[in-house]
């Protein structure tokens, strides 16, 4: 577990007793939650289902599917970096870059 100690002089000291494998698993789980939340915040589950079923006009369906694909690709990029990490700090440093939300979804 990664924890922080705030000293009397207000300096911060961190302690990380996780194994590299635990840090990798934790960061992948956090990344998965972040990506899922990003997609759901911008495109509800019902909207995603309707797009998959082709209920909306083709342009809107394509915009929704494209947005989800871009989010998925960014997740896969982050996951690859996390899996390639050689230290806990390296795994913790990977950042998800949220894609721009297309208009009309």
PDB file of N, CA and C in Angstrom:
ATOM      1  N   UNK A   1       0.841  -1.166   0.000  1.00  0.00           N
ATOM      2  CA  UNK A   1       0.000   0.000   0.000  1.00  0.00           C
ATOM      3  C   UNK A   1       0.894   1.238   0.000  1.00  0.00           C
ATOM      4  N   UNK A   2       0.518   2.216  -0.778  1.00  0.00           N
ATOM      5  CA  UNK A   2       1.254   3.464  -0.817  1.00  0.00           C
ATOM      6  C   UNK A   2       0.637   4.398   0.205  1.00  0.00           C
ATOM      7  N   UNK A   3       1.474   4.936   1.095  1.00  0.00           N
ATOM      8  CA  UNK A   3       0.964   5.840   2.110  1.00  0.00           C
ATOM      9  C   UNK A   3       1.901   7.039   2.233  1.00  0.00           C
ATOM     10  N   UNK A   4       1.372   8.094   2.810  1.00  0.00           N
ATOM     11  CA  UNK A   4       2.112   9.340   2.944  1.00  0.00           C
ATOM     12  C   UNK A   4       2.152   9.755   4.400  1.00  0.00           C
ATOM     13  N   UNK A   5       3.277  10.321   4.808  1.00  0.00           N
ATOM     14  CA  UNK A   5       3.461  10.825   6.165  1.00  0.00           C
ATOM     15  C   UNK A   5       3.762  12.318   6.056  1.00  0.00           C
ATOM     16  N   UNK A   6       2.950  13.130   6.720  1.00  0.00           N
ATOM     17  CA  UNK A   6       3.185  14.575   6.758  1.00  0.00           C
ATOM     18  C   UNK A   6       3.917  14.871   8.064  1.00  0.00           C
ATOM     19  N   UNK A   7       5.130  15.371   7.910  1.00  0.00           N
ATOM     20  CA  UNK A   7       5.974  15.639   9.077  1.00  0.00           C
ATOM     21  C   UNK A   7       5.616  16.980   9.697  1.00  0.00           C
ATOM     22  N   UNK A   8       6.171  17.240  10.884  1.00  0.00           N
ATOM     23  CA  UNK A   8       5.906  18.490  11.584  1.00  0.00           C
ATOM     24  C   UNK A   8       6.326  19.704  10.765  1.00  0.00           C
ATOM     25  N   UNK A   9       7.386  19.564   9.974  1.00  0.00           N
ATOM     26  CA  UNK A   9       7.849  20.684   9.146  1.00  0.00           C
ATOM     27  C   UNK A   9       7.067  20.788   7.835  1.00  0.00           C
ATOM     28  N   UNK A  10       5.958  20.047   7.760  1.00  0.00           N
ATOM     29  CA  UNK A  10       5.035  20.031   6.620  1.00  0.00           C
ATOM     30  C   UNK A  10       5.610  19.383   5.360  1.00  0.00           C
ATOM     31  N   UNK A  11       6.740  18.715   5.487  1.00  0.00           N
ATOM     32  CA  UNK A  11       7.258  17.962   4.352  1.00  0.00           C
ATOM     33  C   UNK A  11       6.507  16.636   4.290  1.00  0.00           C
ATOM     34  N   UNK A  12       6.474  16.066   3.118  1.00  0.00           N
ATOM     35  CA  UNK A  12       5.724  14.824   2.907  1.00  0.00           C
ATOM     36  C   UNK A  12       6.693  13.716   2.532  1.00  0.00           C
ATOM     37  N   UNK A  13       6.548  12.605   3.207  1.00  0.00           N
ATOM     38  CA  UNK A  13       7.365  11.434   2.922  1.00  0.00           C
ATOM     39  C   UNK A  13       6.416  10.309   2.502  1.00  0.00           C
ATOM     40  N   UNK A  14       6.760   9.635   1.428  1.00  0.00           N
ATOM     41  CA  UNK A  14       5.885   8.547   0.975  1.00  0.00           C
ATOM     42  C   UNK A  14       6.550   7.198   1.212  1.00  0.00           C
ATOM     43  N   UNK A  15       5.700   6.215   1.454  1.00  0.00           N
ATOM     44  CA  UNK A  15       6.141   4.842   1.652  1.00  0.00           C
ATOM     45  C   UNK A  15       5.339   3.952   0.718  1.00  0.00           C
ATOM     46  N   UNK A  16       6.005   3.092   0.024  1.00  0.00           N
ATOM     47  CA  UNK A  16       5.325   2.216  -0.926  1.00  0.00           C
ATOM     48  C   UNK A  16       5.815   0.798  -0.696  1.00  0.00           C
ATOM     49  N   UNK A  17       4.981   0.002  -0.039  1.00  0.00           N
ATOM     50  CA  UNK A  17       5.384  -1.375   0.239  1.00  0.00           C
ATOM     51  C   UNK A  17       4.718  -2.380  -0.700  1.00  0.00           C
ATOM     52  N   UNK A  18       4.158  -1.868  -1.828  1.00  0.00           N
ATOM     53  CA  UNK A  18       3.551  -2.762  -2.813  1.00  0.00           C
ATOM     54  C   UNK A  18       4.646  -3.439  -3.635  1.00  0.00           C
ATOM     55  N   UNK A  19       4.365  -4.660  -4.058  1.00  0.00           N
ATOM     56  CA  UNK A  19       5.258  -5.289  -5.024  1.00  0.00           C
ATOM     57  C   UNK A  19       4.980  -4.666  -6.381  1.00  0.00           C
ATOM     58  N   UNK A  20       5.890  -4.837  -7.325  1.00  0.00           N
ATOM     59  CA  UNK A  20       5.679  -4.285  -8.661  1.00  0.00           C
ATOM     60  C   UNK A  20       4.411  -4.864  -9.277  1.00  0.00           C
ATOM     61  N   UNK A  21       4.194  -6.167  -9.088  1.00  0.00           N
ATOM     62  CA  UNK A  21       3.002  -6.805  -9.638  1.00  0.00           C
ATOM     63  C   UNK A  21       1.726  -6.211  -9.043  1.00  0.00           C
ATOM     64  N   UNK A  22       1.733  -5.956  -7.743  1.00  0.00           N
ATOM     65  CA  UNK A  22       0.561  -5.332  -7.109  1.00  0.00           C
ATOM     66  C   UNK A  22       0.331  -3.924  -7.638  1.00  0.00           C
ATOM     67  N   UNK A  23       1.389  -3.166  -7.828  1.00  0.00           N
ATOM     68  CA  UNK A  23       1.263  -1.806  -8.355  1.00  0.00           C
ATOM     69  C   UNK A  23       0.708  -1.836  -9.777  1.00  0.00           C
ATOM     70  N   UNK A  24       1.172  -2.781 -10.572  1.00  0.00           N
ATOM     71  CA  UNK A  24       0.682  -2.913 -11.946  1.00  0.00           C
ATOM     72  C   UNK A  24      -0.804  -3.255 -11.943  1.00  0.00           C
ATOM     73  N   UNK A  25      -1.194  -4.247 -11.162  1.00  0.00           N
ATOM     74  CA  UNK A  25      -2.604  -4.651 -11.099  1.00  0.00           C
ATOM     75  C   UNK A  25      -3.486  -3.506 -10.600  1.00  0.00           C
ATOM     76  N   UNK A  26      -3.025  -2.803  -9.584  1.00  0.00           N
ATOM     77  CA  UNK A  26      -3.794  -1.691  -9.024  1.00  0.00           C
ATOM     78  C   UNK A  26      -3.974  -0.582 -10.065  1.00  0.00           C
ATOM     79  N   UNK A  27      -2.913  -0.254 -10.778  1.00  0.00           N
ATOM     80  CA  UNK A  27      -3.000   0.812 -11.779  1.00  0.00           C
ATOM     81  C   UNK A  27      -3.846   0.416 -12.978  1.00  0.00           C
ATOM     82  N   UNK A  28      -3.805  -0.839 -13.381  1.00  0.00           N
ATOM     83  CA  UNK A  28      -4.670  -1.292 -14.476  1.00  0.00           C
ATOM     84  C   UNK A  28      -6.127  -1.216 -14.045  1.00  0.00           C
ATOM     85  N   UNK A  29      -6.435  -1.633 -12.817  1.00  0.00           N
ATOM     86  CA  UNK A  29      -7.808  -1.538 -12.310  1.00  0.00           C
ATOM     87  C   UNK A  29      -8.276  -0.085 -12.259  1.00  0.00           C
ATOM     88  N   UNK A  30      -7.413   0.800 -11.770  1.00  0.00           N
ATOM     89  CA  UNK A  30      -7.773   2.218 -11.711  1.00  0.00           C
ATOM     90  C   UNK A  30      -7.980   2.791 -13.104  1.00  0.00           C
ATOM     91  N   UNK A  31      -7.143   2.390 -14.050  1.00  0.00           N
ATOM     92  CA  UNK A  31      -7.265   2.871 -15.423  1.00  0.00           C
ATOM     93  C   UNK A  31      -8.572   2.381 -16.042  1.00  0.00           C
ATOM     94  N   UNK A  32      -8.916   1.124 -15.790  1.00  0.00           N
ATOM     95  CA  UNK A  32     -10.168   0.559 -16.310  1.00  0.00           C
ATOM     96  C   UNK A  32     -11.370   1.340 -15.766  1.00  0.00           C
ATOM     97  N   UNK A  33     -11.340   1.643 -14.468  1.00  0.00           N
ATOM     98  CA  UNK A  33     -12.422   2.417 -13.862  1.00  0.00           C
ATOM     99  C   UNK A  33     -12.485   3.827 -14.436  1.00  0.00           C
ATOM    100  N   UNK A  34     -11.327   4.428 -14.639  1.00  0.00           N
ATOM    101  CA  UNK A  34     -11.287   5.797 -15.191  1.00  0.00           C
ATOM    102  C   UNK A  34     -11.874   5.836 -16.597  1.00  0.00           C
ATOM    103  N   UNK A  35     -11.484   4.878 -17.434  1.00  0.00           N
ATOM    104  CA  UNK A  35     -11.974   4.852 -18.821  1.00  0.00           C
ATOM    105  C   UNK A  35     -13.472   4.566 -18.847  1.00  0.00           C
ATOM    106  N   UNK A  36     -13.917   3.606 -18.062  1.00  0.00           N
ATOM    107  CA  UNK A  36     -15.349   3.297 -18.010  1.00  0.00           C
ATOM    108  C   UNK A  36     -16.145   4.507 -17.553  1.00  0.00           C
ATOM    109  N   UNK A  37     -15.644   5.199 -16.536  1.00  0.00           N
ATOM    110  CA  UNK A  37     -16.314   6.394 -16.043  1.00  0.00           C
ATOM    111  C   UNK A  37     -16.341   7.502 -17.079  1.00  0.00           C
ATOM    112  N   UNK A  38     -15.250   7.672 -17.795  1.00  0.00           N
ATOM    113  CA  UNK A  38     -15.171   8.698 -18.843  1.00  0.00           C
ATOM    114  C   UNK A  38     -16.211   8.429 -19.927  1.00  0.00           C
ATOM    115  N   UNK A  39     -16.307   7.174 -20.353  1.00  0.00           N
ATOM    116  CA  UNK A  39     -17.280   6.823 -21.392  1.00  0.00           C
ATOM    117  C   UNK A  39     -18.700   7.026 -20.874  1.00  0.00           C
ATOM    118  N   UNK A  40     -18.996   6.518 -19.691  1.00  0.00           N
ATOM    119  CA  UNK A  40     -20.343   6.604 -19.138  1.00  0.00           C
ATOM    120  C   UNK A  40     -20.757   8.053 -18.842  1.00  0.00           C
ATOM    121  N   UNK A  41     -19.804   8.879 -18.404  1.00  0.00           N
ATOM    122  CA  UNK A  41     -20.123  10.287 -18.139  1.00  0.00           C
ATOM    123  C   UNK A  41     -20.507  11.039 -19.405  1.00  0.00           C
ATOM    124  N   UNK A  42     -19.951  10.627 -20.533  1.00  0.00           N
ATOM    125  CA  UNK A  42     -20.201  11.337 -21.783  1.00  0.00           C
ATOM    126  C   UNK A  42     -21.202  10.637 -22.689  1.00  0.00           C
ATOM    127  N   UNK A  43     -21.497   9.386 -22.375  1.00  0.00           N
ATOM    128  CA  UNK A  43     -22.383   8.608 -23.241  1.00  0.00           C
ATOM    129  C   UNK A  43     -23.015   7.504 -22.386  1.00  0.00           C
ATOM    130  N   UNK A  44     -24.267   7.676 -22.023  1.00  0.00           N
ATOM    131  CA  UNK A  44     -24.918   6.734 -21.112  1.00  0.00           C
ATOM    132  C   UNK A  44     -24.951   5.316 -21.702  1.00  0.00           C
ATOM    133  N   UNK A  45     -25.174   4.360 -20.837  1.00  0.00           N
ATOM    134  CA  UNK A  45     -25.257   2.961 -21.258  1.00  0.00           C
ATOM    135  C   UNK A  45     -26.376   2.786 -22.287  1.00  0.00           C
ATOM    136  N   UNK A  46     -27.495   3.424 -22.062  1.00  0.00           N
ATOM    137  CA  UNK A  46     -28.623   3.312 -22.995  1.00  0.00           C
ATOM    138  C   UNK A  46     -28.243   3.886 -24.357  1.00  0.00           C
ATOM    139  N   UNK A  47     -27.560   5.023 -24.357  1.00  0.00           N
ATOM    140  CA  UNK A  47     -27.119   5.623 -25.613  1.00  0.00           C
ATOM    141  C   UNK A  47     -26.149   4.696 -26.341  1.00  0.00           C
ATOM    142  N   UNK A  48     -25.246   4.071 -25.589  1.00  0.00           N
ATOM    143  CA  UNK A  48     -24.294   3.126 -26.189  1.00  0.00           C
ATOM    144  C   UNK A  48     -25.035   1.944 -26.815  1.00  0.00           C
ATOM    145  N   UNK A  49     -26.021   1.417 -26.096  1.00  0.00           N
ATOM    146  CA  UNK A  49     -26.790   0.286 -26.613  1.00  0.00           C
ATOM    147  C   UNK A  49     -27.583   0.672 -27.865  1.00  0.00           C
ATOM    148  N   UNK A  50     -28.196   1.834 -27.820  1.00  0.00           N
ATOM    149  CA  UNK A  50     -28.954   2.300 -28.989  1.00  0.00           C
ATOM    150  C   UNK A  50     -28.051   2.486 -30.205  1.00  0.00           C
ATOM    151  N   UNK A  51     -26.849   2.985 -29.984  1.00  0.00           N
ATOM    152  CA  UNK A  51     -25.902   3.154 -31.093  1.00  0.00           C
ATOM    153  C   UNK A  51     -25.488   1.798 -31.652  1.00  0.00           C
ATOM    154  N   UNK A  52     -25.243   0.843 -30.759  1.00  0.00           N
ATOM    155  CA  UNK A  52     -24.847  -0.495 -31.209  1.00  0.00           C
ATOM    156  C   UNK A  52     -25.965  -1.166 -32.000  1.00  0.00           C
ATOM    157  N   UNK A  53     -27.197  -0.878 -31.633  1.00  0.00           N
ATOM    158  CA  UNK A  53     -28.342  -1.460 -32.337  1.00  0.00           C
ATOM    159  C   UNK A  53     -28.720  -0.682 -33.598  1.00  0.00           C
ATOM    160  N   UNK A  54     -28.097   0.466 -33.813  1.00  0.00           N
ATOM    161  CA  UNK A  54     -28.368   1.252 -35.005  1.00  0.00           C
ATOM    162  C   UNK A  54     -29.672   2.024 -34.958  1.00  0.00           C
ATOM    163  N   UNK A  55     -30.142   2.325 -33.756  1.00  0.00           N
ATOM    164  CA  UNK A  55     -31.408   3.036 -33.596  1.00  0.00           C
ATOM    165  C   UNK A  55     -31.281   4.504 -33.994  1.00  0.00           C
ATOM    166  N   UNK A  56     -30.114   5.090 -33.742  1.00  0.00           N
ATOM    167  CA  UNK A  56     -29.894   6.498 -34.076  1.00  0.00           C
ATOM    168  C   UNK A  56     -29.514   6.636 -35.556  1.00  0.00           C
ATOM    169  N   UNK A  57     -29.515   7.866 -36.063  1.00  0.00           N
ATOM    170  CA  UNK A  57     -29.032   8.076 -37.432  1.00  0.00           C
ATOM    171  C   UNK A  57     -27.588   7.575 -37.563  1.00  0.00           C
ATOM    172  N   UNK A  58     -27.203   7.134 -38.750  1.00  0.00           N
ATOM    173  CA  UNK A  58     -25.869   6.547 -38.939  1.00  0.00           C
ATOM    174  C   UNK A  58     -24.719   7.444 -38.465  1.00  0.00           C
ATOM    175  N   UNK A  59     -24.827   8.757 -38.673  1.00  0.00           N
ATOM    176  CA  UNK A  59     -23.745   9.656 -38.257  1.00  0.00           C
ATOM    177  C   UNK A  59     -23.564   9.635 -36.742  1.00  0.00           C
ATOM    178  N   UNK A  60     -24.676   9.639 -36.013  1.00  0.00           N
ATOM    179  CA  UNK A  60     -24.601   9.626 -34.554  1.00  0.00           C
ATOM    180  C   UNK A  60     -24.079   8.287 -34.060  1.00  0.00           C
ATOM    181  N   UNK A  61     -24.561   7.200 -34.652  1.00  0.00           N
ATOM    182  CA  UNK A  61     -24.074   5.861 -34.271  1.00  0.00           C
ATOM    183  C   UNK A  61     -22.565   5.776 -34.463  1.00  0.00           C
ATOM    184  N   UNK A  62     -22.098   6.272 -35.596  1.00  0.00           N
ATOM    185  CA  UNK A  62     -20.665   6.221 -35.896  1.00  0.00           C
ATOM    186  C   UNK A  62     -19.863   7.091 -34.938  1.00  0.00           C
ATOM    187  N   UNK A  63     -20.391   8.266 -34.583  1.00  0.00           N
ATOM    188  CA  UNK A  63     -19.704   9.148 -33.644  1.00  0.00           C
ATOM    189  C   UNK A  63     -19.568   8.488 -32.274  1.00  0.00           C
ATOM    190  N   UNK A  64     -20.625   7.838 -31.831  1.00  0.00           N
ATOM    191  CA  UNK A  64     -20.608   7.169 -30.525  1.00  0.00           C
ATOM    192  C   UNK A  64     -19.630   5.998 -30.547  1.00  0.00           C
ATOM    193  N   UNK A  65     -19.719   5.170 -31.563  1.00  0.00           N
ATOM    194  CA  UNK A  65     -18.814   4.016 -31.671  1.00  0.00           C
ATOM    195  C   UNK A  65     -17.360   4.464 -31.781  1.00  0.00           C
ATOM    196  N   UNK A  66     -17.134   5.532 -32.532  1.00  0.00           N
ATOM    197  CA  UNK A  66     -15.782   6.052 -32.708  1.00  0.00           C
ATOM    198  C   UNK A  66     -15.225   6.577 -31.387  1.00  0.00           C
ATOM    199  N   UNK A  67     -16.046   7.284 -30.630  1.00  0.00           N
ATOM    200  CA  UNK A  67     -15.613   7.815 -29.337  1.00  0.00           C
ATOM    201  C   UNK A  67     -15.227   6.669 -28.393  1.00  0.00           C
ATOM    202  N   UNK A  68     -16.049   5.645 -28.346  1.00  0.00           N
ATOM    203  CA  UNK A  68     -15.756   4.499 -27.477  1.00  0.00           C
ATOM    204  C   UNK A  68     -14.476   3.801 -27.934  1.00  0.00           C
ATOM    205  N   UNK A  69     -14.277   3.685 -29.240  1.00  0.00           N
ATOM    206  CA  UNK A  69     -13.065   3.050 -29.777  1.00  0.00           C
ATOM    207  C   UNK A  69     -11.817   3.863 -29.410  1.00  0.00           C
ATOM    208  N   UNK A  70     -11.912   5.189 -29.473  1.00  0.00           N
ATOM    209  CA  UNK A  70     -10.769   6.033 -29.115  1.00  0.00           C
ATOM    210  C   UNK A  70     -10.449   5.870 -27.631  1.00  0.00           C
ATOM    211  N   UNK A  71     -11.477   5.822 -26.791  1.00  0.00           N
ATOM    212  CA  UNK A  71     -11.264   5.598 -25.356  1.00  0.00           C
ATOM    213  C   UNK A  71     -10.615   4.236 -25.114  1.00  0.00           C
ATOM    214  N   UNK A  72     -11.108   3.217 -25.811  1.00  0.00           N
ATOM    215  CA  UNK A  72     -10.539   1.871 -25.671  1.00  0.00           C
ATOM    216  C   UNK A  72      -9.068   1.853 -26.083  1.00  0.00           C
ATOM    217  N   UNK A  73      -8.753   2.522 -27.193  1.00  0.00           N
ATOM    218  CA  UNK A  73      -7.359   2.555 -27.658  1.00  0.00           C
ATOM    219  C   UNK A  73      -6.456   3.287 -26.674  1.00  0.00           C
ATOM    220  N   UNK A  74      -6.959   4.343 -26.062  1.00  0.00           N
ATOM    221  CA  UNK A  74      -6.176   5.064 -25.055  1.00  0.00           C
ATOM    222  C   UNK A  74      -5.972   4.181 -23.822  1.00  0.00           C
ATOM    223  N   UNK A  75      -6.993   3.416 -23.446  1.00  0.00           N
ATOM    224  CA  UNK A  75      -6.850   2.472 -22.332  1.00  0.00           C
ATOM    225  C   UNK A  75      -5.769   1.436 -22.654  1.00  0.00           C
ATOM    226  N   UNK A  76      -5.804   0.905 -23.872  1.00  0.00           N
ATOM    227  CA  UNK A  76      -4.810  -0.102 -24.256  1.00  0.00           C
ATOM    228  C   UNK A  76      -3.397   0.475 -24.277  1.00  0.00           C
ATOM    229  N   UNK A  77      -3.266   1.738 -24.683  1.00  0.00           N
ATOM    230  CA  UNK A  77      -1.959   2.401 -24.654  1.00  0.00           C
ATOM    231  C   UNK A  77      -1.458   2.495 -23.214  1.00  0.00           C
ATOM    232  N   UNK A  78      -2.332   2.945 -22.322  1.00  0.00           N
ATOM    233  CA  UNK A  78      -1.966   3.079 -20.910  1.00  0.00           C
ATOM    234  C   UNK A  78      -1.644   1.717 -20.292  1.00  0.00           C
ATOM    235  N   UNK A  79      -2.453   0.726 -20.600  1.00  0.00           N
ATOM    236  CA  UNK A  79      -2.230  -0.617 -20.057  1.00  0.00           C
ATOM    237  C   UNK A  79      -0.875  -1.150 -20.496  1.00  0.00           C
ATOM    238  N   UNK A  80      -0.523  -0.928 -21.765  1.00  0.00           N
ATOM    239  CA  UNK A  80       0.782  -1.366 -22.255  1.00  0.00           C
ATOM    240  C   UNK A  80       1.928  -0.705 -21.508  1.00  0.00           C
ATOM    241  N   UNK A  81       1.791   0.597 -21.241  1.00  0.00           N
ATOM    242  CA  UNK A  81       2.829   1.306 -20.491  1.00  0.00           C
ATOM    243  C   UNK A  81       2.915   0.802 -19.055  1.00  0.00           C
ATOM    244  N   UNK A  82       1.771   0.538 -18.468  1.00  0.00           N
ATOM    245  CA  UNK A  82       1.764   0.032 -17.085  1.00  0.00           C
ATOM    246  C   UNK A  82       2.410  -1.344 -17.032  1.00  0.00           C
ATOM    247  N   UNK A  83       2.051  -2.214 -17.963  1.00  0.00           N
ATOM    248  CA  UNK A  83       2.631  -3.566 -17.974  1.00  0.00           C
ATOM    249  C   UNK A  83       4.138  -3.543 -18.232  1.00  0.00           C
ATOM    250  N   UNK A  84       4.614  -2.529 -18.938  1.00  0.00           N
ATOM    251  CA  UNK A  84       6.046  -2.425 -19.240  1.00  0.00           C
ATOM    252  C   UNK A  84       6.831  -1.737 -18.124  1.00  0.00           C
ATOM    253  N   UNK A  85       6.137  -1.246 -17.112  1.00  0.00           N
ATOM    254  CA  UNK A  85       6.796  -0.512 -16.027  1.00  0.00           C
ATOM    255  C   UNK A  85       7.790  -1.405 -15.299  1.00  0.00           C
ATOM    256  N   UNK A  86       8.898  -0.794 -14.898  1.00  0.00           N
ATOM    257  CA  UNK A  86       9.924  -1.530 -14.158  1.00  0.00           C
ATOM    258  C   UNK A  86      10.001  -1.088 -12.700  1.00  0.00           C
ATOM    259  N   UNK A  87       9.142  -0.135 -12.313  1.00  0.00           N
ATOM    260  CA  UNK A  87       9.092   0.300 -10.917  1.00  0.00           C
ATOM    261  C   UNK A  87       7.665   0.746 -10.592  1.00  0.00           C
ATOM    262  N   UNK A  88       7.377   0.810  -9.318  1.00  0.00           N
ATOM    263  CA  UNK A  88       6.057   1.265  -8.880  1.00  0.00           C
ATOM    264  C   UNK A  88       5.804   2.697  -9.321  1.00  0.00           C
ATOM    265  N   UNK A  89       6.816   3.552  -9.205  1.00  0.00           N
ATOM    266  CA  UNK A  89       6.657   4.951  -9.607  1.00  0.00           C
ATOM    267  C   UNK A  89       6.361   5.070 -11.100  1.00  0.00           C
ATOM    268  N   UNK A  90       7.001   4.243 -11.884  1.00  0.00           N
ATOM    269  CA  UNK A  90       6.759   4.258 -13.326  1.00  0.00           C
ATOM    270  C   UNK A  90       5.325   3.822 -13.636  1.00  0.00           C
ATOM    271  N   UNK A  91       4.845   2.804 -12.948  1.00  0.00           N
ATOM    272  CA  UNK A  91       3.468   2.340 -13.151  1.00  0.00           C
ATOM    273  C   UNK A  91       2.473   3.404 -12.691  1.00  0.00           C
ATOM    274  N   UNK A  92       2.784   4.084 -11.591  1.00  0.00           N
ATOM    275  CA  UNK A  92       1.895   5.129 -11.058  1.00  0.00           C
ATOM    276  C   UNK A  92       1.853   6.370 -11.948  1.00  0.00           C
ATOM    277  N   UNK A  93       2.891   6.588 -12.734  1.00  0.00           N
ATOM    278  CA  UNK A  93       3.007   7.820 -13.516  1.00  0.00           C
ATOM    279  C   UNK A  93       2.189   7.812 -14.806  1.00  0.00           C
ATOM    280  N   UNK A  94       1.678   6.663 -15.211  1.00  0.00           N
ATOM    281  CA  UNK A  94       0.926   6.586 -16.471  1.00  0.00           C
ATOM    282  C   UNK A  94      -0.378   7.355 -16.326  1.00  0.00           C
ATOM    283  N   UNK A  95      -0.654   8.212 -17.295  1.00  0.00           N
ATOM    284  CA  UNK A  95      -1.841   9.066 -17.255  1.00  0.00           C
ATOM    285  C   UNK A  95      -2.759   8.773 -18.439  1.00  0.00           C
ATOM    286  N   UNK A  96      -4.047   8.686 -18.160  1.00  0.00           N
ATOM    287  CA  UNK A  96      -5.063   8.541 -19.204  1.00  0.00           C
ATOM    288  C   UNK A  96      -5.354   9.924 -19.772  1.00  0.00           C
ATOM    289  N   UNK A  97      -5.236  10.054 -21.080  1.00  0.00           N
ATOM    290  CA  UNK A  97      -5.545  11.315 -21.748  1.00  0.00           C
ATOM    291  C   UNK A  97      -6.925  11.165 -22.376  1.00  0.00           C
ATOM    292  N   UNK A  98      -7.898  11.819 -21.773  1.00  0.00           N
ATOM    293  CA  UNK A  98      -9.281  11.694 -22.239  1.00  0.00           C
ATOM    294  C   UNK A  98      -9.423  12.305 -23.635  1.00  0.00           C
ATOM    295  N   UNK A  99     -10.037  11.563 -24.547  1.00  0.00           N
ATOM    296  CA  UNK A  99     -10.229  12.097 -25.889  1.00  0.00           C
ATOM    297  C   UNK A  99     -11.327  13.160 -25.901  1.00  0.00           C
ATOM    298  N   UNK A 100     -11.310  13.958 -26.942  1.00  0.00           N
ATOM    299  CA  UNK A 100     -12.344  14.985 -27.103  1.00  0.00           C
ATOM    300  C   UNK A 100     -13.666  14.295 -27.410  1.00  0.00           C
ATOM    301  N   UNK A 101     -14.718  14.788 -26.789  1.00  0.00           N
ATOM    302  CA  UNK A 101     -16.047  14.216 -26.993  1.00  0.00           C
ATOM    303  C   UNK A 101     -16.641  14.837 -28.263  1.00  0.00           C
ATOM    304  N   UNK A 102     -17.014  14.010 -29.239  1.00  0.00           N
ATOM    305  CA  UNK A 102     -17.600  14.565 -30.459  1.00  0.00           C
ATOM    306  C   UNK A 102     -18.959  15.196 -30.192  1.00  0.00           C
ATOM    307  N   UNK A 103     -19.289  16.203 -30.967  1.00  0.00           N
ATOM    308  CA  UNK A 103     -20.591  16.850 -30.806  1.00  0.00           C
ATOM    309  C   UNK A 103     -21.699  15.911 -31.245  1.00  0.00           C
ATOM    310  N   UNK A 104     -22.820  16.023 -30.598  1.00  0.00           N
ATOM    311  CA  UNK A 104     -23.999  15.281 -31.034  1.00  0.00           C
ATOM    312  C   UNK A 104     -24.106  13.868 -30.525  1.00  0.00           C
ATOM    313  N   UNK A 105     -23.266  13.470 -29.560  1.00  0.00           N
ATOM    314  CA  UNK A 105     -23.468  12.125 -29.047  1.00  0.00           C
ATOM    315  C   UNK A 105     -24.294  12.248 -27.791  1.00  0.00           C
TER     316      UNK A 105
END
